[in-house]
Amino acid sequence: KQLAATKPGRAHLRSQGSYLVLRQLHSWEKSPEVLSTCLKLIQVLIGDEPEEGMENLLEVTIPEEVEKRLRDLDEQEEQERRKEREREEPET
């Protein structure tokens, strides 16, 4: 998380071929939590670099309504994972 937050960190991850490793991980990983994190990191690595002054993603000010929407999406994703785990658990 910290390494991908800064422009030099993202550049280092890209230069080491991290995207290719993450892409392969995503192709066979079964854990929804790992897949979600993997996709988020891939999006950071392949996305456009933020404009000047916003290079450190941990220091970017996020508007309150956007932050709420992101929290809601995270919560929805977690609920979907819980439901999926419940479906996968064998009945006793």
Protein backbone atom coordinates (compact mmCIF):
# COMPACT_ATOMS: atom_id res chain seq x y z
CA LYS A 1 0.00 0.00 0.00
CA GLN A 2 2.71 2.47 0.96
CA LEU A 3 4.95 1.66 -1.99
CA ALA A 4 2.18 2.23 -4.53
CA ALA A 5 1.18 5.51 -2.87
CA THR A 6 4.12 7.54 -4.20
CA LYS A 7 5.15 8.27 -7.75
CA PRO A 8 8.69 6.85 -7.28
CA GLY A 9 7.21 3.76 -5.62
CA ARG A 10 4.80 3.16 -8.50
CA ALA A 11 7.63 3.67 -11.00
CA HIS A 12 9.72 1.09 -9.13
CA LEU A 13 6.86 -1.42 -9.08
CA ARG A 14 6.33 -0.96 -12.82
CA SER A 15 10.06 -1.27 -13.60
CA GLN A 16 10.21 -4.59 -11.74
CA GLY A 17 7.41 -6.15 -13.79
CA SER A 18 4.91 -6.17 -10.96
CA TYR A 19 1.98 -5.77 -13.34
CA LEU A 20 2.82 -9.07 -15.06
CA VAL A 21 3.02 -10.88 -11.72
CA LEU A 22 -0.27 -9.35 -10.56
CA ARG A 23 -1.95 -10.28 -13.83
CA GLN A 24 -0.89 -13.91 -13.39
CA LEU A 25 -1.95 -13.89 -9.75
CA HIS A 26 -5.34 -12.58 -10.78
CA SER A 27 -5.75 -15.39 -13.33
CA TRP A 28 -5.57 -18.19 -10.75
CA GLU A 29 -6.26 -16.69 -7.33
CA LYS A 30 -9.51 -17.83 -5.72
CA SER A 31 -9.70 -15.60 -2.64
CA PRO A 32 -12.12 -12.71 -3.26
CA GLU A 33 -10.19 -10.49 -0.86
CA VAL A 34 -6.90 -11.08 -2.66
CA LEU A 35 -8.55 -10.62 -6.07
CA SER A 36 -10.07 -7.32 -4.99
CA THR A 37 -6.76 -6.00 -3.67
CA CYS A 38 -4.96 -7.25 -6.77
CA LEU A 39 -7.40 -5.42 -9.07
CA LYS A 40 -7.07 -2.20 -7.10
CA LEU A 41 -3.28 -2.33 -7.29
CA ILE A 42 -3.39 -3.11 -11.02
CA GLN A 43 -5.61 -0.06 -11.52
CA VAL A 44 -3.08 2.12 -9.70
CA LEU A 45 -0.18 0.73 -11.74
CA ILE A 46 -1.79 1.01 -15.18
CA GLY A 47 -3.65 4.27 -14.54
CA ASP A 48 -2.44 7.71 -15.51
CA GLU A 49 -0.15 9.39 -13.02
CA PRO A 50 -1.88 12.06 -10.92
CA GLU A 51 -1.22 15.69 -11.72
CA GLU A 52 1.62 17.58 -10.09
CA GLY A 53 1.16 18.07 -6.37
CA MET A 54 -0.96 14.92 -6.04
CA GLU A 55 1.77 12.34 -6.61
CA ASN A 56 1.44 10.88 -3.09
CA LEU A 57 -1.95 9.20 -3.11
CA LEU A 58 -2.05 9.04 0.69
CA GLU A 59 -1.95 12.84 0.88
CA VAL A 60 -4.66 13.58 -1.70
CA THR A 61 -7.76 15.26 -0.29
CA ILE A 62 -10.84 13.32 -1.31
CA PRO A 63 -14.16 15.17 -1.38
CA GLU A 64 -16.49 13.97 1.38
CA GLU A 65 -19.17 12.68 -1.02
CA VAL A 66 -16.59 10.70 -3.01
CA GLU A 67 -15.09 9.27 0.17
CA LYS A 68 -18.56 8.19 1.33
CA ARG A 69 -19.26 6.55 -2.02
CA LEU A 70 -15.95 4.67 -1.87
CA ARG A 71 -16.71 3.47 1.67
CA ASP A 72 -20.17 2.35 0.52
CA LEU A 73 -18.63 0.43 -2.37
CA ASP A 74 -16.11 -1.23 -0.05
CA GLU A 75 -18.91 -2.21 2.32
CA GLN A 76 -20.98 -3.59 -0.55
CA GLU A 77 -17.98 -5.59 -1.77
CA GLU A 78 -17.43 -7.00 1.72
CA GLN A 79 -21.10 -8.02 1.99
CA GLU A 80 -20.86 -9.80 -1.36
CA ARG A 81 -17.75 -11.66 -0.17
CA ARG A 82 -19.54 -12.73 3.02
CA LYS A 83 -22.49 -14.04 1.01
CA GLU A 84 -20.11 -15.90 -1.30
CA ARG A 85 -18.33 -17.51 1.66
CA GLU A 86 -21.68 -18.53 3.15
CA ARG A 87 -22.68 -20.20 -0.13
CA GLU A 88 -19.36 -22.04 -0.27
CA GLU A 89 -19.49 -23.35 3.31
CA PRO A 90 -20.72 -26.94 3.46
CA GLU A 91 -23.90 -27.51 5.38
CA THR A 92 -23.53 -29.42 8.62
